[in-house]
Structures are given as structure tokens and as C-alpha cells.
Amino acid sequence: MAAADKRRRVIFIGASMAGKTTLTQAMMREELRYRKTQTLDIVGGFIIDTPGEYAETASLGRALALYAYEADVVGLLCGATEPYCLFPPCVAAACTRPVIGIVTRIDEPGANPGRAQRWLELAGCRPVFRVSAYSGEGIWRILSYLKEPGDRLPWENAEEAERPRTVLSDKYGETGRKRP
């Protein structure tokens, strides 16, 4: 079995625009490009990226429950700028996998990462990570959490993983800029 095949597989679940695909790109050492996820996507053999509509629609949400069985860890994402949390209290108790929380967009204007973290903790997520795909903050902590002995990570060390990214495009069409 190859080293990358041993890494714990994580499924990212969250509302549309929560930052699931952008976080996936940052974790995989890719340049950040806005891309609307249309279907479930397995990236790098260890990240299952899901469309936000699956979590927002009851009939599609059942598919997430099935795909969670393909993962070793369930990652619930909540943007620090969101006005509400998609996940009800204690929802993590329904999972047969560890459920982690990931607060995204922590460096956006008007962000309230403390509120988003409390929502994820109330949902039953342990631990909760605060990340910025643009600055790289928190990326290494998630990769380290998912790492198994002998794994080779996309990043060599925390300094590499947590440096600012080049943004090729975002949801507003802005291109070619670096975010702090």
C-alpha cells in the first residue's frame, strides 16, 4: 500500500460557499481558483469534496450520509462570515466516524470565527480548526490531524503549508492577486 493510501480520508460537508473546494485546493498545494463543485469529488485520494447543495437539501443530504462511510473522518465546515450554522446541535452523535469542525474564511472582513467555532462545538465537533485557505493559517494542523505514521503530506512543514497563496480567480472574478 502506498504511503498516500494510508492517510485518513476526510469528507468535507458544509453550506454552499463555505470554502470546501478552496480549502481542498490549499491542502493539495494548488493555486486557488474558484470552481463550483457540481458532484462529489475525491481529490488526492484522501479528500472528498461535496457540493453545498447536498447539505442544504434534505433529499440530497441522504447521499452525504452514505458517502460519509467512505471517509475515516467527517469534516463539518462553517464560514466565519455566515449568519447562521447549517448544522443542528449534537448532529455529530449520528456519525460513526470522528467529526471535526473547520471554521473557514477567518480572515475575511466581518468574520466572527469565535461564533462559528461555538456553533461547530455545539454540533458536537471535536476538535475544531480555524483556517484560511488564502493565508494558509491552520492548514498544517488539519493535515497533521489526518496524517498516519509513514504518510507523505503535500507540504513538507508548517511554514510551507501556512504561507499565503496565489489566487487565480475567486467567486467575484478577481484574479492574479495574493491575499495576506
Protein backbone atom coordinates (compact mmCIF):
# COMPACT_ATOMS: atom_id res chain seq x y z
CA MET A 1 0.00 0.00 0.00
CA ALA A 2 1.40 3.39 -0.98
CA ALA A 3 2.04 5.94 1.75
CA ALA A 4 -0.64 8.31 0.41
CA ASP A 5 -3.19 5.46 0.53
CA LYS A 6 -2.83 5.18 4.34
CA ARG A 7 -3.75 8.78 5.06
CA ARG A 8 -7.11 9.10 6.73
CA ARG A 9 -9.78 10.09 4.22
CA VAL A 10 -11.89 13.12 5.13
CA ILE A 11 -15.24 14.24 3.72
CA PHE A 12 -15.92 17.99 3.72
CA ILE A 13 -19.56 18.90 4.36
CA GLY A 14 -20.87 22.45 4.54
CA ALA A 15 -23.12 25.07 3.00
CA SER A 16 -22.56 26.48 -0.47
CA MET A 17 -19.70 28.99 -0.39
CA ALA A 18 -18.38 27.68 2.95
CA GLY A 19 -14.96 27.18 1.34
CA LYS A 20 -14.80 23.39 0.91
CA THR A 21 -13.23 23.42 -2.56
CA THR A 22 -10.91 26.32 -1.77
CA LEU A 23 -9.70 24.52 1.37
CA THR A 24 -9.18 21.36 -0.69
CA GLN A 25 -7.06 23.30 -3.20
CA ALA A 26 -4.99 24.84 -0.40
CA MET A 27 -4.43 21.46 1.25
CA MET A 28 -3.33 19.95 -2.07
CA ARG A 29 -0.78 22.69 -2.84
CA GLU A 30 -2.79 24.03 -5.75
CA GLU A 31 -3.28 27.63 -6.79
CA LEU A 32 -6.68 28.87 -5.69
CA ARG A 33 -9.24 29.02 -8.49
CA TYR A 34 -12.93 29.49 -7.97
CA ARG A 35 -14.73 26.36 -9.10
CA LYS A 36 -18.31 25.44 -8.28
CA THR A 37 -18.42 21.81 -7.17
CA GLN A 38 -21.20 20.05 -9.08
CA THR A 39 -20.73 16.46 -7.86
CA LEU A 40 -18.82 14.61 -5.20
CA ASP A 41 -15.13 14.81 -5.99
CA ILE A 42 -12.31 12.71 -4.49
CA VAL A 43 -9.13 14.78 -4.51
CA GLY A 44 -5.66 13.42 -3.86
CA GLY A 45 -7.13 10.12 -2.73
CA PHE A 46 -7.93 11.46 0.73
CA ILE A 47 -10.33 14.43 0.45
CA ILE A 48 -13.98 14.01 -0.54
CA ASP A 49 -15.24 17.43 -1.65
CA THR A 50 -19.03 17.79 -1.71
CA PRO A 51 -21.42 20.34 -3.20
CA GLY A 52 -23.04 22.61 -0.61
CA GLU A 53 -26.46 21.89 -2.09
CA TYR A 54 -26.20 18.33 -0.76
CA ALA A 55 -26.07 19.64 2.81
CA GLU A 56 -28.75 22.26 2.17
CA THR A 57 -31.34 19.92 0.64
CA ALA A 58 -32.92 17.11 2.66
CA SER A 59 -33.29 14.68 -0.24
CA LEU A 60 -29.64 15.17 -1.28
CA GLY A 61 -28.41 15.08 2.32
CA ARG A 62 -29.02 11.34 2.40
CA ALA A 63 -26.21 10.94 -0.14
CA LEU A 64 -23.82 12.63 2.30
CA ALA A 65 -24.72 10.08 4.96
CA LEU A 66 -23.79 7.27 2.56
CA TYR A 67 -20.57 8.92 1.37
CA ALA A 68 -19.51 9.55 4.96
CA TYR A 69 -19.00 5.79 5.23
CA GLU A 70 -16.25 6.14 2.61
CA ALA A 71 -14.36 8.52 4.89
CA ASP A 72 -12.41 7.97 8.09
CA VAL A 73 -13.16 11.49 9.35
CA VAL A 74 -16.15 13.78 8.76
CA GLY A 75 -15.28 17.47 8.49
CA LEU A 76 -18.12 19.94 9.02
CA LEU A 77 -17.30 23.40 7.63
CA CYS A 78 -18.78 26.70 8.71
CA GLY A 79 -17.63 30.02 7.30
CA ALA A 80 -16.74 32.69 9.85
CA THR A 81 -18.87 35.16 7.91
CA GLU A 82 -22.04 33.03 7.81
CA PRO A 83 -25.10 34.45 9.62
CA TYR A 84 -26.22 31.00 10.84
CA CYS A 85 -24.96 27.44 11.13
CA LEU A 86 -26.33 24.75 8.87
CA PHE A 87 -25.73 22.00 11.44
CA PRO A 88 -28.11 21.33 14.34
CA PRO A 89 -26.87 20.77 17.91
CA CYS A 90 -25.42 17.30 18.58
CA VAL A 91 -25.56 16.21 14.92
CA ALA A 92 -22.11 14.62 15.28
CA ALA A 93 -23.62 11.97 17.55
CA ALA A 94 -25.31 10.46 14.48
CA CYS A 95 -21.91 9.70 12.86
CA THR A 96 -19.93 6.52 13.32
CA ARG A 97 -16.74 8.43 12.45
CA PRO A 98 -14.82 11.16 14.25
CA VAL A 99 -16.35 14.55 13.40
CA ILE A 100 -14.09 17.59 13.25
CA GLY A 101 -15.13 21.19 12.79
CA ILE A 102 -13.43 23.56 10.39
CA VAL A 103 -14.04 27.31 10.60
CA THR A 104 -13.18 28.82 7.21
CA ARG A 105 -12.80 32.38 5.94
CA ILE A 106 -11.35 33.56 9.25
CA ASP A 107 -9.51 36.48 7.62
CA GLU A 108 -12.49 37.97 5.74
CA PRO A 109 -13.84 41.39 6.74
CA GLY A 110 -16.63 41.00 9.28
CA ALA A 111 -15.57 37.46 10.17
CA ASN A 112 -16.55 36.09 13.56
CA PRO A 113 -14.54 32.86 13.93
CA GLY A 114 -15.40 32.53 17.63
CA ARG A 115 -19.12 32.36 16.87
CA ALA A 116 -18.62 29.81 14.08
CA GLN A 117 -16.41 27.71 16.37
CA ARG A 118 -19.08 27.71 19.09
CA TRP A 119 -21.69 26.59 16.55
CA LEU A 120 -19.48 23.69 15.45
CA GLU A 121 -18.72 22.73 19.05
CA LEU A 122 -22.48 22.76 19.76
CA ALA A 123 -22.92 20.43 16.76
CA GLY A 124 -20.51 18.04 18.51
CA CYS A 125 -17.32 18.64 16.50
CA ARG A 126 -14.08 17.85 18.32
CA PRO A 127 -11.54 19.27 17.61
CA VAL A 128 -12.37 22.50 15.75
CA PHE A 129 -9.77 24.03 13.43
CA ARG A 130 -9.71 27.67 12.29
CA VAL A 131 -8.31 28.05 8.77
CA SER A 132 -7.72 30.49 5.97
CA ALA A 133 -7.13 28.93 2.58
CA TYR A 134 -5.75 32.27 1.38
CA SER A 135 -3.15 32.88 4.09
CA GLY A 136 -2.57 29.19 4.85
CA GLU A 137 -3.29 29.63 8.55
CA GLY A 138 -4.42 26.34 10.11
CA ILE A 139 -3.80 24.15 7.03
CA TRP A 140 -0.90 22.32 8.67
CA ARG A 141 -2.98 21.50 11.76
CA ILE A 142 -5.62 19.74 9.65
CA LEU A 143 -3.01 17.85 7.63
CA SER A 144 -1.23 16.79 10.82
CA TYR A 145 -4.53 15.58 12.30
CA LEU A 146 -5.21 13.42 9.22
CA LYS A 147 -1.66 12.08 9.00
CA GLU A 148 -0.95 8.44 9.76
CA PRO A 149 2.55 7.07 10.51
CA GLY A 150 4.58 6.89 7.29
CA ASP A 151 2.41 9.33 5.33
CA ARG A 152 3.92 11.87 2.98
CA LEU A 153 1.96 15.09 3.14
CA PRO A 154 1.54 17.57 0.26
CA TRP A 155 3.53 20.05 2.38
CA GLU A 156 6.92 19.39 3.94
CA ASN A 157 6.42 21.51 7.06
CA ALA A 158 4.16 24.02 8.78
CA GLU A 159 5.93 27.06 7.29
CA GLU A 160 5.31 25.83 3.74
CA ALA A 161 1.70 24.88 4.44
CA GLU A 162 0.84 28.17 6.11
CA ARG A 163 2.21 30.71 3.66
CA PRO A 164 -0.04 32.97 1.53
CA ARG A 165 -1.48 31.51 -1.67
CA THR A 166 -1.80 32.94 -5.15
CA VAL A 167 -5.45 33.43 -6.04
CA LEU A 168 -6.08 32.93 -9.75
CA SER A 169 -9.80 33.59 -9.51
CA ASP A 170 -12.46 33.91 -6.87
CA LYS A 171 -16.24 33.96 -6.91
CA TYR A 172 -16.18 37.66 -7.81
CA GLY A 173 -13.91 37.16 -10.83
CA GLU A 174 -10.89 38.86 -9.26
CA THR A 175 -7.67 37.29 -10.49
CA GLY A 176 -3.94 37.22 -10.05
CA ARG A 177 -3.67 38.66 -6.57
CA LYS A 178 -2.11 37.45 -3.36
CA ARG A 179 -4.15 37.51 -0.20
CA PRO A 180 -2.37 38.16 3.09
